[in-house]
Amino acid sequence: MKTIYQNIFLILLAIIYILYFFLLLGFGKDNKNLITTTQFLLKIYISIYLIVMYNPFVKSTFSETDKRIVFSCALFLISTITITEIYYNYNNLIYYLKKLKVF
């Protein structure tokens, strides 16, 4: 059974990926601020979760659900880093090409 902290994580993760999907399809430039804010909140949540659950001062067990959450955390961190960098670099390239009147 999933606990509340697991549900919070999954909901925030779903929101991020839905926003990425819409942003990559080109729906709204305003989503960029929402994505940045949601990414920041989820990164803070992941950090606090990992510190609280797996610090060396508390004896804890590593369940199947915990494995899935840690794996999802790692995928989220790597995807936000790569997708964000690709998106910003692509937008900068398009901006400069339009400035040079290539398009």
PDB file of N, CA and C in Angstrom:
ATOM      1  N   MET A   1       0.842  -1.184   0.000  1.00  0.00           N
ATOM      2  CA  MET A   1       0.000   0.000   0.000  1.00  0.00           C
ATOM      3  C   MET A   1       0.883   1.242   0.000  1.00  0.00           C
ATOM      4  N   LYS A   2       0.547   2.175  -0.845  1.00  0.00           N
ATOM      5  CA  LYS A   2       1.355   3.379  -0.957  1.00  0.00           C
ATOM      6  C   LYS A   2       1.011   4.353   0.158  1.00  0.00           C
ATOM      7  N   THR A   3       2.057   4.967   0.690  1.00  0.00           N
ATOM      8  CA  THR A   3       1.855   5.961   1.735  1.00  0.00           C
ATOM      9  C   THR A   3       1.680   7.333   1.099  1.00  0.00           C
ATOM     10  N   ILE A   4       1.402   8.320   1.917  1.00  0.00           N
ATOM     11  CA  ILE A   4       1.130   9.661   1.402  1.00  0.00           C
ATOM     12  C   ILE A   4       2.352  10.263   0.716  1.00  0.00           C
ATOM     13  N   TYR A   5       3.552  10.012   1.258  1.00  0.00           N
ATOM     14  CA  TYR A   5       4.738  10.598   0.624  1.00  0.00           C
ATOM     15  C   TYR A   5       5.001   9.965  -0.730  1.00  0.00           C
ATOM     16  N   GLN A   6       4.637   8.706  -0.898  1.00  0.00           N
ATOM     17  CA  GLN A   6       4.795   8.075  -2.209  1.00  0.00           C
ATOM     18  C   GLN A   6       3.792   8.642  -3.212  1.00  0.00           C
ATOM     19  N   ASN A   7       2.568   8.877  -2.758  1.00  0.00           N
ATOM     20  CA  ASN A   7       1.555   9.462  -3.638  1.00  0.00           C
ATOM     21  C   ASN A   7       1.920  10.885  -4.045  1.00  0.00           C
ATOM     22  N   ILE A   8       2.442  11.672  -3.112  1.00  0.00           N
ATOM     23  CA  ILE A   8       2.870  13.034  -3.432  1.00  0.00           C
ATOM     24  C   ILE A   8       3.941  13.004  -4.509  1.00  0.00           C
ATOM     25  N   PHE A   9       4.908  12.116  -4.339  1.00  0.00           N
ATOM     26  CA  PHE A   9       5.992  11.998  -5.319  1.00  0.00           C
ATOM     27  C   PHE A   9       5.456  11.635  -6.695  1.00  0.00           C
ATOM     28  N   LEU A  10       4.578  10.648  -6.765  1.00  0.00           N
ATOM     29  CA  LEU A  10       4.057  10.200  -8.056  1.00  0.00           C
ATOM     30  C   LEU A  10       3.203  11.268  -8.727  1.00  0.00           C
ATOM     31  N   ILE A  11       2.440  12.016  -7.952  1.00  0.00           N
ATOM     32  CA  ILE A  11       1.611  13.088  -8.511  1.00  0.00           C
ATOM     33  C   ILE A  11       2.488  14.198  -9.077  1.00  0.00           C
ATOM     34  N   LEU A  12       3.494  14.628  -8.313  1.00  0.00           N
ATOM     35  CA  LEU A  12       4.392  15.679  -8.797  1.00  0.00           C
ATOM     36  C   LEU A  12       5.155  15.222 -10.038  1.00  0.00           C
ATOM     37  N   LEU A  13       5.573  13.980 -10.051  1.00  0.00           N
ATOM     38  CA  LEU A  13       6.291  13.443 -11.202  1.00  0.00           C
ATOM     39  C   LEU A  13       5.396  13.424 -12.437  1.00  0.00           C
ATOM     40  N   ALA A  14       4.145  13.035 -12.271  1.00  0.00           N
ATOM     41  CA  ALA A  14       3.198  13.020 -13.392  1.00  0.00           C
ATOM     42  C   ALA A  14       2.956  14.431 -13.916  1.00  0.00           C
ATOM     43  N   ILE A  15       2.834  15.398 -13.021  1.00  0.00           N
ATOM     44  CA  ILE A  15       2.628  16.790 -13.434  1.00  0.00           C
ATOM     45  C   ILE A  15       3.807  17.278 -14.268  1.00  0.00           C
ATOM     46  N   ILE A  16       5.016  16.965 -13.815  1.00  0.00           N
ATOM     47  CA  ILE A  16       6.220  17.388 -14.554  1.00  0.00           C
ATOM     48  C   ILE A  16       6.224  16.804 -15.957  1.00  0.00           C
ATOM     49  N   TYR A  17       5.972  15.511 -16.089  1.00  0.00           N
ATOM     50  CA  TYR A  17       6.042  14.891 -17.410  1.00  0.00           C
ATOM     51  C   TYR A  17       4.921  15.369 -18.327  1.00  0.00           C
ATOM     52  N   ILE A  18       3.744  15.645 -17.785  1.00  0.00           N
ATOM     53  CA  ILE A  18       2.657  16.203 -18.594  1.00  0.00           C
ATOM     54  C   ILE A  18       3.026  17.597 -19.076  1.00  0.00           C
ATOM     55  N   LEU A  19       3.590  18.407 -18.186  1.00  0.00           N
ATOM     56  CA  LEU A  19       4.009  19.752 -18.582  1.00  0.00           C
ATOM     57  C   LEU A  19       5.119  19.703 -19.630  1.00  0.00           C
ATOM     58  N   TYR A  20       6.064  18.780 -19.476  1.00  0.00           N
ATOM     59  CA  TYR A  20       7.111  18.608 -20.489  1.00  0.00           C
ATOM     60  C   TYR A  20       6.505  18.278 -21.848  1.00  0.00           C
ATOM     61  N   PHE A  21       5.553  17.373 -21.833  1.00  0.00           N
ATOM     62  CA  PHE A  21       4.912  16.956 -23.080  1.00  0.00           C
ATOM     63  C   PHE A  21       4.278  18.147 -23.782  1.00  0.00           C
ATOM     64  N   PHE A  22       3.516  18.946 -23.034  1.00  0.00           N
ATOM     65  CA  PHE A  22       2.872  20.112 -23.630  1.00  0.00           C
ATOM     66  C   PHE A  22       3.877  21.160 -24.067  1.00  0.00           C
ATOM     67  N   LEU A  23       4.927  21.345 -23.304  1.00  0.00           N
ATOM     68  CA  LEU A  23       5.939  22.329 -23.661  1.00  0.00           C
ATOM     69  C   LEU A  23       6.694  21.915 -24.919  1.00  0.00           C
ATOM     70  N   LEU A  24       7.016  20.627 -25.028  1.00  0.00           N
ATOM     71  CA  LEU A  24       7.723  20.149 -26.209  1.00  0.00           C
ATOM     72  C   LEU A  24       6.850  20.208 -27.460  1.00  0.00           C
ATOM     73  N   LEU A  25       5.528  20.116 -27.278  1.00  0.00           N
ATOM     74  CA  LEU A  25       4.626  20.271 -28.413  1.00  0.00           C
ATOM     75  C   LEU A  25       4.396  21.733 -28.778  1.00  0.00           C
ATOM     76  N   GLY A  26       4.900  22.626 -27.933  1.00  0.00           N
ATOM     77  CA  GLY A  26       4.811  24.045 -28.235  1.00  0.00           C
ATOM     78  C   GLY A  26       3.602  24.753 -27.668  1.00  0.00           C
ATOM     79  N   PHE A  27       2.913  24.149 -26.723  1.00  0.00           N
ATOM     80  CA  PHE A  27       1.744  24.788 -26.134  1.00  0.00           C
ATOM     81  C   PHE A  27       2.150  25.721 -25.009  1.00  0.00           C
ATOM     82  N   GLY A  28       2.202  26.988 -25.317  1.00  0.00           N
ATOM     83  CA  GLY A  28       2.386  28.011 -24.292  1.00  0.00           C
ATOM     84  C   GLY A  28       3.814  28.193 -23.818  1.00  0.00           C
ATOM     85  N   LYS A  29       4.243  29.410 -23.867  1.00  0.00           N
ATOM     86  CA  LYS A  29       5.554  29.759 -23.316  1.00  0.00           C
ATOM     87  C   LYS A  29       5.464  29.954 -21.812  1.00  0.00           C
ATOM     88  N   ASP A  30       4.266  30.130 -21.277  1.00  0.00           N
ATOM     89  CA  ASP A  30       4.087  30.348 -19.842  1.00  0.00           C
ATOM     90  C   ASP A  30       4.325  29.077 -19.033  1.00  0.00           C
ATOM     91  N   ASN A  31       4.273  27.933 -19.682  1.00  0.00           N
ATOM     92  CA  ASN A  31       4.509  26.675 -18.972  1.00  0.00           C
ATOM     93  C   ASN A  31       5.931  26.559 -18.456  1.00  0.00           C
ATOM     94  N   LYS A  32       6.862  27.323 -19.048  1.00  0.00           N
ATOM     95  CA  LYS A  32       8.262  27.227 -18.652  1.00  0.00           C
ATOM     96  C   LYS A  32       8.441  27.597 -17.182  1.00  0.00           C
ATOM     97  N   ASN A  33       7.763  28.641 -16.719  1.00  0.00           N
ATOM     98  CA  ASN A  33       7.853  29.022 -15.310  1.00  0.00           C
ATOM     99  C   ASN A  33       7.216  27.974 -14.410  1.00  0.00           C
ATOM    100  N   LEU A  34       6.109  27.410 -14.868  1.00  0.00           N
ATOM    101  CA  LEU A  34       5.442  26.369 -14.082  1.00  0.00           C
ATOM    102  C   LEU A  34       6.311  25.122 -13.988  1.00  0.00           C
ATOM    103  N   ILE A  35       6.956  24.754 -15.080  1.00  0.00           N
ATOM    104  CA  ILE A  35       7.849  23.590 -15.074  1.00  0.00           C
ATOM    105  C   ILE A  35       9.026  23.831 -14.143  1.00  0.00           C
ATOM    106  N   THR A  36       9.617  25.018 -14.221  1.00  0.00           N
ATOM    107  CA  THR A  36      10.763  25.329 -13.366  1.00  0.00           C
ATOM    108  C   THR A  36      10.387  25.266 -11.894  1.00  0.00           C
ATOM    109  N   THR A  37       9.242  25.822 -11.548  1.00  0.00           N
ATOM    110  CA  THR A  37       8.785  25.794 -10.155  1.00  0.00           C
ATOM    111  C   THR A  37       8.494  24.373  -9.694  1.00  0.00           C
ATOM    112  N   THR A  38       7.812  23.593 -10.529  1.00  0.00           N
ATOM    113  CA  THR A  38       7.485  22.215 -10.155  1.00  0.00           C
ATOM    114  C   THR A  38       8.749  21.372 -10.051  1.00  0.00           C
ATOM    115  N   GLN A  39       9.699  21.576 -10.962  1.00  0.00           N
ATOM    116  CA  GLN A  39      10.978  20.860 -10.887  1.00  0.00           C
ATOM    117  C   GLN A  39      11.688  21.177  -9.576  1.00  0.00           C
ATOM    118  N   PHE A  40      11.725  22.444  -9.228  1.00  0.00           N
ATOM    119  CA  PHE A  40      12.382  22.852  -7.995  1.00  0.00           C
ATOM    120  C   PHE A  40      11.736  22.191  -6.785  1.00  0.00           C
ATOM    121  N   LEU A  41      10.415  22.219  -6.722  1.00  0.00           N
ATOM    122  CA  LEU A  41       9.710  21.607  -5.584  1.00  0.00           C
ATOM    123  C   LEU A  41       9.957  20.100  -5.516  1.00  0.00           C
ATOM    124  N   LEU A  42       9.939  19.446  -6.669  1.00  0.00           N
ATOM    125  CA  LEU A  42      10.163  17.996  -6.674  1.00  0.00           C
ATOM    126  C   LEU A  42      11.600  17.652  -6.306  1.00  0.00           C
ATOM    127  N   LYS A  43      12.563  18.454  -6.733  1.00  0.00           N
ATOM    128  CA  LYS A  43      13.955  18.208  -6.341  1.00  0.00           C
ATOM    129  C   LYS A  43      14.138  18.372  -4.837  1.00  0.00           C
ATOM    130  N   ILE A  44      13.510  19.388  -4.259  1.00  0.00           N
ATOM    131  CA  ILE A  44      13.569  19.571  -2.805  1.00  0.00           C
ATOM    132  C   ILE A  44      12.898  18.399  -2.104  1.00  0.00           C
ATOM    133  N   TYR A  45      11.740  17.977  -2.605  1.00  0.00           N
ATOM    134  CA  TYR A  45      11.019  16.854  -2.006  1.00  0.00           C
ATOM    135  C   TYR A  45      11.852  15.573  -2.070  1.00  0.00           C
ATOM    136  N   ILE A  46      12.484  15.321  -3.222  1.00  0.00           N
ATOM    137  CA  ILE A  46      13.337  14.136  -3.370  1.00  0.00           C
ATOM    138  C   ILE A  46      14.492  14.191  -2.383  1.00  0.00           C
ATOM    139  N   SER A  47      15.122  15.338  -2.277  1.00  0.00           N
ATOM    140  CA  SER A  47      16.260  15.478  -1.357  1.00  0.00           C
ATOM    141  C   SER A  47      15.852  15.215   0.082  1.00  0.00           C
ATOM    142  N   ILE A  48      14.764  15.821   0.503  1.00  0.00           N
ATOM    143  CA  ILE A  48      14.293  15.619   1.881  1.00  0.00           C
ATOM    144  C   ILE A  48      13.902  14.166   2.110  1.00  0.00           C
ATOM    145  N   TYR A  49      13.206  13.571   1.137  1.00  0.00           N
ATOM    146  CA  TYR A  49      12.802  12.173   1.264  1.00  0.00           C
ATOM    147  C   TYR A  49      14.013  11.257   1.428  1.00  0.00           C
ATOM    148  N   LEU A  50      15.013  11.422   0.570  1.00  0.00           N
ATOM    149  CA  LEU A  50      16.190  10.561   0.644  1.00  0.00           C
ATOM    150  C   LEU A  50      16.980  10.778   1.927  1.00  0.00           C
ATOM    151  N   ILE A  51      17.072  12.015   2.380  1.00  0.00           N
ATOM    152  CA  ILE A  51      17.791  12.300   3.629  1.00  0.00           C
ATOM    153  C   ILE A  51      17.072  11.689   4.819  1.00  0.00           C
ATOM    154  N   VAL A  52      15.759  11.858   4.864  1.00  0.00           N
ATOM    155  CA  VAL A  52      14.993  11.349   6.011  1.00  0.00           C
ATOM    156  C   VAL A  52      14.949   9.826   6.019  1.00  0.00           C
ATOM    157  N   MET A  53      14.691   9.231   4.877  1.00  0.00           N
ATOM    158  CA  MET A  53      14.496   7.777   4.846  1.00  0.00           C
ATOM    159  C   MET A  53      15.800   6.980   4.938  1.00  0.00           C
ATOM    160  N   TYR A  54      16.887   7.516   4.420  1.00  0.00           N
ATOM    161  CA  TYR A  54      18.101   6.708   4.309  1.00  0.00           C
ATOM    162  C   TYR A  54      19.316   7.342   4.965  1.00  0.00           C
ATOM    163  N   ASN A  55      19.094   8.129   6.016  1.00  0.00           N
ATOM    164  CA  ASN A  55      20.246   8.693   6.714  1.00  0.00           C
ATOM    165  C   ASN A  55      20.893   7.615   7.571  1.00  0.00           C
ATOM    166  N   PRO A  56      22.163   7.751   7.909  1.00  0.00           N
ATOM    167  CA  PRO A  56      22.875   6.700   8.632  1.00  0.00           C
ATOM    168  C   PRO A  56      22.479   6.583  10.110  1.00  0.00           C
ATOM    169  N   PHE A  57      21.679   7.501  10.610  1.00  0.00           N
ATOM    170  CA  PHE A  57      21.309   7.481  12.024  1.00  0.00           C
ATOM    171  C   PHE A  57      20.022   6.713  12.297  1.00  0.00           C
ATOM    172  N   VAL A  58      19.347   6.283  11.246  1.00  0.00           N
ATOM    173  CA  VAL A  58      18.087   5.557  11.389  1.00  0.00           C
ATOM    174  C   VAL A  58      18.228   4.204  10.705  1.00  0.00           C
ATOM    175  N   LYS A  59      17.770   3.178  11.399  1.00  0.00           N
ATOM    176  CA  LYS A  59      17.781   1.846  10.796  1.00  0.00           C
ATOM    177  C   LYS A  59      16.524   1.704   9.951  1.00  0.00           C
ATOM    178  N   SER A  60      16.721   1.464   8.668  1.00  0.00           N
ATOM    179  CA  SER A  60      15.576   1.338   7.770  1.00  0.00           C
ATOM    180  C   SER A  60      15.763   0.141   6.854  1.00  0.00           C
ATOM    181  N   THR A  61      14.647  -0.340   6.359  1.00  0.00           N
ATOM    182  CA  THR A  61      14.673  -1.437   5.398  1.00  0.00           C
ATOM    183  C   THR A  61      14.414  -0.875   4.009  1.00  0.00           C
ATOM    184  N   PHE A  62      14.898  -1.554   3.029  1.00  0.00           N
ATOM    185  CA  PHE A  62      14.777  -1.103   1.649  1.00  0.00           C
ATOM    186  C   PHE A  62      13.776  -2.009   0.951  1.00  0.00           C
ATOM    187  N   SER A  63      12.522  -1.562   0.855  1.00  0.00           N
ATOM    188  CA  SER A  63      11.460  -2.375   0.276  1.00  0.00           C
ATOM    189  C   SER A  63      11.419  -2.223  -1.242  1.00  0.00           C
ATOM    190  N   GLU A  64      10.538  -2.973  -1.879  1.00  0.00           N
ATOM    191  CA  GLU A  64      10.367  -2.876  -3.328  1.00  0.00           C
ATOM    192  C   GLU A  64       9.870  -1.493  -3.730  1.00  0.00           C
ATOM    193  N   THR A  65       8.975  -0.941  -2.923  1.00  0.00           N
ATOM    194  CA  THR A  65       8.468   0.398  -3.203  1.00  0.00           C
ATOM    195  C   THR A  65       9.577   1.425  -3.105  1.00  0.00           C
ATOM    196  N   ASP A  66      10.445   1.279  -2.124  1.00  0.00           N
ATOM    197  CA  ASP A  66      11.571   2.199  -1.986  1.00  0.00           C
ATOM    198  C   ASP A  66      12.512   2.105  -3.181  1.00  0.00           C
ATOM    199  N   LYS A  67      12.717   0.900  -3.683  1.00  0.00           N
ATOM    200  CA  LYS A  67      13.555   0.735  -4.877  1.00  0.00           C
ATOM    201  C   LYS A  67      12.958   1.477  -6.064  1.00  0.00           C
ATOM    202  N   ARG A  68      11.633   1.368  -6.227  1.00  0.00           N
ATOM    203  CA  ARG A  68      10.966   2.053  -7.330  1.00  0.00           C
ATOM    204  C   ARG A  68      11.068   3.561  -7.187  1.00  0.00           C
ATOM    205  N   ILE A  69      10.929   4.053  -5.956  1.00  0.00           N
ATOM    206  CA  ILE A  69      11.004   5.495  -5.738  1.00  0.00           C
ATOM    207  C   ILE A  69      12.410   6.003  -6.011  1.00  0.00           C
ATOM    208  N   VAL A  70      13.420   5.308  -5.543  1.00  0.00           N
ATOM    209  CA  VAL A  70      14.802   5.735  -5.775  1.00  0.00           C
ATOM    210  C   VAL A  70      15.118   5.690  -7.269  1.00  0.00           C
ATOM    211  N   PHE A  71      14.670   4.662  -7.965  1.00  0.00           N
ATOM    212  CA  PHE A  71      14.871   4.562  -9.400  1.00  0.00           C
ATOM    213  C   PHE A  71      14.161   5.705 -10.124  1.00  0.00           C
ATOM    214  N   SER A  72      12.929   6.007  -9.719  1.00  0.00           N
ATOM    215  CA  SER A  72      12.184   7.111 -10.316  1.00  0.00           C
ATOM    216  C   SER A  72      12.863   8.448 -10.039  1.00  0.00           C
ATOM    217  N   CYS A  73      13.410   8.591  -8.843  1.00  0.00           N
ATOM    218  CA  CYS A  73      14.145   9.815  -8.503  1.00  0.00           C
ATOM    219  C   CYS A  73      15.342   9.997  -9.423  1.00  0.00           C
ATOM    220  N   ALA A  74      16.073   8.924  -9.630  1.00  0.00           N
ATOM    221  CA  ALA A  74      17.247   8.996 -10.499  1.00  0.00           C
ATOM    222  C   ALA A  74      16.844   9.321 -11.938  1.00  0.00           C
ATOM    223  N   LEU A  75      15.787   8.686 -12.442  1.00  0.00           N
ATOM    224  CA  LEU A  75      15.310   8.985 -13.793  1.00  0.00           C
ATOM    225  C   LEU A  75      14.830  10.425 -13.900  1.00  0.00           C
ATOM    226  N   PHE A  76      14.134  10.887 -12.874  1.00  0.00           N
ATOM    227  CA  PHE A  76      13.649  12.267 -12.887  1.00  0.00           C
ATOM    228  C   PHE A  76      14.814  13.240 -12.937  1.00  0.00           C
ATOM    229  N   LEU A  77      15.812  13.035 -12.097  1.00  0.00           N
ATOM    230  CA  LEU A  77      16.940  13.961 -12.053  1.00  0.00           C
ATOM    231  C   LEU A  77      17.695  13.987 -13.374  1.00  0.00           C
ATOM    232  N   ILE A  78      17.952  12.828 -13.953  1.00  0.00           N
ATOM    233  CA  ILE A  78      18.687  12.799 -15.217  1.00  0.00           C
ATOM    234  C   ILE A  78      17.838  13.367 -16.358  1.00  0.00           C
ATOM    235  N   SER A  79      16.542  13.094 -16.342  1.00  0.00           N
ATOM    236  CA  SER A  79      15.694  13.606 -17.421  1.00  0.00           C
ATOM    237  C   SER A  79      15.503  15.111 -17.319  1.00  0.00           C
ATOM    238  N   THR A  80      15.358  15.643 -16.114  1.00  0.00           N
ATOM    239  CA  THR A  80      15.182  17.089 -15.994  1.00  0.00           C
ATOM    240  C   THR A  80      16.455  17.825 -16.399  1.00  0.00           C
ATOM    241  N   ILE A  81      17.575  17.245 -16.078  1.00  0.00           N
ATOM    242  CA  ILE A  81      18.827  17.892 -16.466  1.00  0.00           C
ATOM    243  C   ILE A  81      18.973  17.884 -17.984  1.00  0.00           C
ATOM    244  N   THR A  82      18.780  16.742 -18.613  1.00  0.00           N
ATOM    245  CA  THR A  82      18.994  16.652 -20.060  1.00  0.00           C
ATOM    246  C   THR A  82      17.901  17.351 -20.849  1.00  0.00           C
ATOM    247  N   ILE A  83      16.647  17.128 -20.504  1.00  0.00           N
ATOM    248  CA  ILE A  83      15.552  17.742 -21.261  1.00  0.00           C
ATOM    249  C   ILE A  83      15.597  19.254 -21.143  1.00  0.00           C
ATOM    250  N   THR A  84      15.851  19.752 -19.955  1.00  0.00           N
ATOM    251  CA  THR A  84      15.908  21.204 -19.752  1.00  0.00           C
ATOM    252  C   THR A  84      17.043  21.814 -20.557  1.00  0.00           C
ATOM    253  N   GLU A  85      18.208  21.195 -20.516  1.00  0.00           N
ATOM    254  CA  GLU A  85      19.349  21.734 -21.271  1.00  0.00           C
ATOM    255  C   GLU A  85      19.088  21.698 -22.771  1.00  0.00           C
ATOM    256  N   ILE A  86      18.537  20.610 -23.268  1.00  0.00           N
ATOM    257  CA  ILE A  86      18.240  20.507 -24.700  1.00  0.00           C
ATOM    258  C   ILE A  86      17.212  21.566 -25.093  1.00  0.00           C
ATOM    259  N   TYR A  87      16.184  21.736 -24.285  1.00  0.00           N
ATOM    260  CA  TYR A  87      15.136  22.708 -24.598  1.00  0.00           C
ATOM    261  C   TYR A  87      15.696  24.128 -24.638  1.00  0.00           C
ATOM    262  N   TYR A  88      16.456  24.512 -23.619  1.00  0.00           N
ATOM    263  CA  TYR A  88      16.995  25.868 -23.577  1.00  0.00           C
ATOM    264  C   TYR A  88      18.009  26.111 -24.699  1.00  0.00           C
ATOM    265  N   ASN A  89      18.854  25.132 -24.980  1.00  0.00           N
ATOM    266  CA  ASN A  89      19.821  25.295 -26.066  1.00  0.00           C
ATOM    267  C   ASN A  89      19.126  25.390 -27.416  1.00  0.00           C
ATOM    268  N   TYR A  90      18.078  24.599 -27.630  1.00  0.00           N
ATOM    269  CA  TYR A  90      17.318  24.639 -28.875  1.00  0.00           C
ATOM    270  C   TYR A  90      16.653  26.006 -29.041  1.00  0.00           C
ATOM    271  N   ASN A  91      16.036  26.500 -27.965  1.00  0.00           N
ATOM    272  CA  ASN A  91      15.378  27.809 -28.041  1.00  0.00           C
ATOM    273  C   ASN A  91      16.386  28.927 -28.287  1.00  0.00           C
ATOM    274  N   ASN A  92      17.552  28.844 -27.665  1.00  0.00           N
ATOM    275  CA  ASN A  92      18.588  29.849 -27.914  1.00  0.00           C
ATOM    276  C   ASN A  92      19.068  29.795 -29.354  1.00  0.00           C
ATOM    277  N   LEU A  93      19.240  28.604 -29.900  1.00  0.00           N
ATOM    278  CA  LEU A  93      19.659  28.451 -31.290  1.00  0.00           C
ATOM    279  C   LEU A  93      18.635  29.060 -32.238  1.00  0.00           C
ATOM    280  N   ILE A  94      17.365  28.766 -32.015  1.00  0.00           N
ATOM    281  CA  ILE A  94      16.295  29.323 -32.853  1.00  0.00           C
ATOM    282  C   ILE A  94      16.262  30.841 -32.745  1.00  0.00           C
ATOM    283  N   TYR A  95      16.436  31.346 -31.524  1.00  0.00           N
ATOM    284  CA  TYR A  95      16.431  32.803 -31.313  1.00  0.00           C
ATOM    285  C   TYR A  95      17.543  33.473 -32.116  1.00  0.00           C
ATOM    286  N   TYR A  96      18.752  32.916 -32.043  1.00  0.00           N
ATOM    287  CA  TYR A  96      19.874  33.524 -32.766  1.00  0.00           C
ATOM    288  C   TYR A  96      19.746  33.349 -34.279  1.00  0.00           C
ATOM    289  N   LEU A  97      19.183  32.251 -34.721  1.00  0.00           N
ATOM    290  CA  LEU A  97      18.983  32.070 -36.157  1.00  0.00           C
ATOM    291  C   LEU A  97      17.949  33.059 -36.686  1.00  0.00           C
ATOM    292  N   LYS A  98      16.915  33.317 -35.913  1.00  0.00           N
ATOM    293  CA  LYS A  98      15.929  34.318 -36.324  1.00  0.00           C
ATOM    294  C   LYS A  98      16.545  35.708 -36.304  1.00  0.00           C
ATOM    295  N   LYS A  99      17.413  35.943 -35.346  1.00  0.00           N
ATOM    296  CA  LYS A  99      18.081  37.245 -35.267  1.00  0.00           C
ATOM    297  C   LYS A  99      18.992  37.457 -36.488  1.00  0.00           C
ATOM    298  N   LEU A 100      19.614  36.377 -36.948  1.00  0.00           N
ATOM    299  CA  LEU A 100      20.452  36.457 -38.144  1.00  0.00           C
ATOM    300  C   LEU A 100      19.642  36.379 -39.434  1.00  0.00           C
ATOM    301  N   LYS A 101      18.333  36.233 -39.297  1.00  0.00           N
ATOM    302  CA  LYS A 101      17.377  36.156 -40.408  1.00  0.00           C
ATOM    303  C   LYS A 101      17.634  34.949 -41.309  1.00  0.00           C
ATOM    304  N   VAL A 102      17.973  33.821 -40.669  1.00  0.00           N
ATOM    305  CA  VAL A 102      18.138  32.583 -41.412  1.00  0.00           C
ATOM    306  C   VAL A 102      16.767  31.995 -41.709  1.00  0.00           C
ATOM    307  N   PHE A 103      15.826  32.177 -40.791  1.00  0.00           N
ATOM    308  CA  PHE A 103      14.457  31.669 -40.994  1.00  0.00           C
ATOM    309  C   PHE A 103      13.577  32.740 -41.568  1.00  0.00           C
TER     310      PHE A 103
END
